[in-house]
């Protein structure tokens, strides 16, 4: 977004979790792994959404889904027509991560 006013509107919904380090090896009973996903989701109709209620709902939904699924949410970049997620998950979680109701 080129307009500084619009950019400022999105600053408060960005997620940057300083306590989540996706470079750390995680362990299970079956071994150790380092498995992370960068997911990009675009609005179905390529529309732009800049209203505060929609942004708040999106922000809360991302955190809730990651918490419920046990994903490590490192970053979420929310912009008008799409969002970027950097998450850590288990190897078996790949299919679930791609089929979540984000």
C-alpha atoms as a PDB file:
ATOM      1  CA  UNK A   1       0.000   0.000   0.000  1.00  0.00           C
ATOM      2  CA  UNK A   2       1.478   3.304  -1.045  1.00  0.00           C
ATOM      3  CA  UNK A   3      -0.620   5.516   1.226  1.00  0.00           C
ATOM      4  CA  UNK A   4       1.000   5.971   4.664  1.00  0.00           C
ATOM      5  CA  UNK A   5      -2.454   6.226   6.289  1.00  0.00           C
ATOM      6  CA  UNK A   6      -3.416   2.803   4.955  1.00  0.00           C
ATOM      7  CA  UNK A   7      -0.090   1.307   6.016  1.00  0.00           C
ATOM      8  CA  UNK A   8      -0.598   2.672   9.532  1.00  0.00           C
ATOM      9  CA  UNK A   9      -4.007   0.999   9.608  1.00  0.00           C
ATOM     10  CA  UNK A  10      -2.310  -2.407   9.271  1.00  0.00           C
ATOM     11  CA  UNK A  11       0.538  -1.984  11.766  1.00  0.00           C
ATOM     12  CA  UNK A  12      -1.419  -3.095  14.838  1.00  0.00           C
ATOM     13  CA  UNK A  13      -2.549  -6.415  13.293  1.00  0.00           C
ATOM     14  CA  UNK A  14       0.911  -7.675  12.365  1.00  0.00           C
ATOM     15  CA  UNK A  15       2.184 -10.563  14.487  1.00  0.00           C
ATOM     16  CA  UNK A  16       5.835 -11.004  15.390  1.00  0.00           C
ATOM     17  CA  UNK A  17       6.372 -13.493  18.214  1.00  0.00           C
ATOM     18  CA  UNK A  18       9.806 -12.865  19.712  1.00  0.00           C
ATOM     19  CA  UNK A  19       9.483 -16.005  21.855  1.00  0.00           C
ATOM     20  CA  UNK A  20       9.075 -18.307  18.814  1.00  0.00           C
ATOM     21  CA  UNK A  21      12.369 -19.317  17.201  1.00  0.00           C
ATOM     22  CA  UNK A  22      11.730 -21.481  14.152  1.00  0.00           C
ATOM     23  CA  UNK A  23      15.450 -22.284  13.846  1.00  0.00           C
ATOM     24  CA  UNK A  24      15.343 -24.427  16.996  1.00  0.00           C
ATOM     25  CA  UNK A  25      15.207 -28.197  16.533  1.00  0.00           C
ATOM     26  CA  UNK A  26      12.066 -29.792  17.951  1.00  0.00           C
ATOM     27  CA  UNK A  27      11.920 -33.300  19.370  1.00  0.00           C
ATOM     28  CA  UNK A  28       9.370 -36.110  19.392  1.00  0.00           C
ATOM     29  CA  UNK A  29       9.500 -39.725  20.521  1.00  0.00           C
ATOM     30  CA  UNK A  30      10.467 -40.600  16.936  1.00  0.00           C
ATOM     31  CA  UNK A  31      13.354 -38.193  16.489  1.00  0.00           C
ATOM     32  CA  UNK A  32      14.260 -34.585  15.996  1.00  0.00           C
ATOM     33  CA  UNK A  33      13.112 -32.283  13.255  1.00  0.00           C
ATOM     34  CA  UNK A  34      13.073 -28.764  11.960  1.00  0.00           C
ATOM     35  CA  UNK A  35       9.928 -28.251   9.908  1.00  0.00           C
ATOM     36  CA  UNK A  36       8.481 -24.856   9.098  1.00  0.00           C
ATOM     37  CA  UNK A  37       6.004 -23.520   6.581  1.00  0.00           C
ATOM     38  CA  UNK A  38       5.582 -20.160   4.898  1.00  0.00           C
ATOM     39  CA  UNK A  39       1.933 -19.978   3.888  1.00  0.00           C
ATOM     40  CA  UNK A  40       0.413 -17.284   1.695  1.00  0.00           C
ATOM     41  CA  UNK A  41      -3.377 -16.996   1.590  1.00  0.00           C
ATOM     42  CA  UNK A  42      -5.188 -14.663  -0.781  1.00  0.00           C
ATOM     43  CA  UNK A  43      -8.797 -13.520  -0.577  1.00  0.00           C
ATOM     44  CA  UNK A  44     -10.965 -15.682  -2.835  1.00  0.00           C
ATOM     45  CA  UNK A  45     -12.175 -12.750  -4.896  1.00  0.00           C
ATOM     46  CA  UNK A  46      -8.859 -10.826  -4.751  1.00  0.00           C
ATOM     47  CA  UNK A  47     -10.645  -8.021  -2.937  1.00  0.00           C
ATOM     48  CA  UNK A  48      -8.979  -5.662  -0.474  1.00  0.00           C
ATOM     49  CA  UNK A  49     -10.154  -5.469   3.127  1.00  0.00           C
ATOM     50  CA  UNK A  50      -9.009  -2.555   5.258  1.00  0.00           C
ATOM     51  CA  UNK A  51     -11.807  -2.167   7.796  1.00  0.00           C
ATOM     52  CA  UNK A  52     -10.836  -2.600  11.445  1.00  0.00           C
ATOM     53  CA  UNK A  53     -13.428  -5.270  12.415  1.00  0.00           C
ATOM     54  CA  UNK A  54     -12.293  -7.561   9.582  1.00  0.00           C
ATOM     55  CA  UNK A  55      -8.615  -7.041  10.442  1.00  0.00           C
ATOM     56  CA  UNK A  56      -9.261  -7.715  14.145  1.00  0.00           C
ATOM     57  CA  UNK A  57     -11.187 -10.905  13.330  1.00  0.00           C
ATOM     58  CA  UNK A  58      -8.416 -12.094  10.999  1.00  0.00           C
ATOM     59  CA  UNK A  59      -5.738 -11.350  13.609  1.00  0.00           C
ATOM     60  CA  UNK A  60      -7.620 -13.245  16.332  1.00  0.00           C
ATOM     61  CA  UNK A  61      -8.501 -16.136  14.015  1.00  0.00           C
ATOM     62  CA  UNK A  62      -4.867 -16.689  13.032  1.00  0.00           C
ATOM     63  CA  UNK A  63      -3.778 -16.817  16.662  1.00  0.00           C
ATOM     64  CA  UNK A  64      -6.690 -19.063  17.652  1.00  0.00           C
ATOM     65  CA  UNK A  65      -6.169 -21.598  14.861  1.00  0.00           C
ATOM     66  CA  UNK A  66      -2.428 -21.817  15.546  1.00  0.00           C
ATOM     67  CA  UNK A  67      -3.029 -22.247  19.267  1.00  0.00           C
ATOM     68  CA  UNK A  68      -5.714 -24.913  18.691  1.00  0.00           C
ATOM     69  CA  UNK A  69      -3.581 -26.871  16.193  1.00  0.00           C
ATOM     70  CA  UNK A  70      -0.381 -26.509  18.228  1.00  0.00           C
ATOM     71  CA  UNK A  71       1.467 -24.598  15.482  1.00  0.00           C
ATOM     72  CA  UNK A  72       4.313 -22.267  16.460  1.00  0.00           C
ATOM     73  CA  UNK A  73       3.302 -18.899  15.044  1.00  0.00           C
ATOM     74  CA  UNK A  74       6.417 -16.860  14.411  1.00  0.00           C
ATOM     75  CA  UNK A  75       5.079 -14.196  12.086  1.00  0.00           C
ATOM     76  CA  UNK A  76       1.861 -13.140  10.425  1.00  0.00           C
ATOM     77  CA  UNK A  77       1.871 -10.379   7.874  1.00  0.00           C
ATOM     78  CA  UNK A  78      -1.629  -9.172   7.153  1.00  0.00           C
ATOM     79  CA  UNK A  79      -2.137  -6.911   4.151  1.00  0.00           C
ATOM     80  CA  UNK A  80      -5.237  -5.783   2.275  1.00  0.00           C
ATOM     81  CA  UNK A  81      -5.668  -8.703  -0.121  1.00  0.00           C
ATOM     82  CA  UNK A  82      -3.618 -11.542   1.386  1.00  0.00           C
ATOM     83  CA  UNK A  83      -1.628 -12.689   4.396  1.00  0.00           C
ATOM     84  CA  UNK A  84       1.687 -14.420   5.046  1.00  0.00           C
ATOM     85  CA  UNK A  85       2.239 -16.891   7.881  1.00  0.00           C
ATOM     86  CA  UNK A  86       5.533 -18.296   9.137  1.00  0.00           C
ATOM     87  CA  UNK A  87       4.718 -21.289  11.313  1.00  0.00           C
ATOM     88  CA  UNK A  88       6.518 -24.225  12.828  1.00  0.00           C
ATOM     89  CA  UNK A  89       4.698 -27.513  12.822  1.00  0.00           C
ATOM     90  CA  UNK A  90       5.282 -31.237  12.975  1.00  0.00           C
ATOM     91  CA  UNK A  91       6.007 -33.220   9.845  1.00  0.00           C
ATOM     92  CA  UNK A  92       2.619 -34.919  10.159  1.00  0.00           C
ATOM     93  CA  UNK A  93       0.913 -31.532  10.404  1.00  0.00           C
ATOM     94  CA  UNK A  94       1.651 -30.482   6.814  1.00  0.00           C
ATOM     95  CA  UNK A  95      -1.674 -31.627   5.420  1.00  0.00           C
ATOM     96  CA  UNK A  96      -3.579 -30.187   8.364  1.00  0.00           C
ATOM     97  CA  UNK A  97      -1.802 -26.836   8.039  1.00  0.00           C
ATOM     98  CA  UNK A  98      -2.757 -26.576   4.398  1.00  0.00           C
ATOM     99  CA  UNK A  99      -6.384 -27.516   5.068  1.00  0.00           C
ATOM    100  CA  UNK A 100      -7.028 -25.327   8.118  1.00  0.00           C
ATOM    101  CA  UNK A 101      -9.944 -22.953   8.144  1.00  0.00           C
ATOM    102  CA  UNK A 102      -7.841 -19.780   8.086  1.00  0.00           C
END
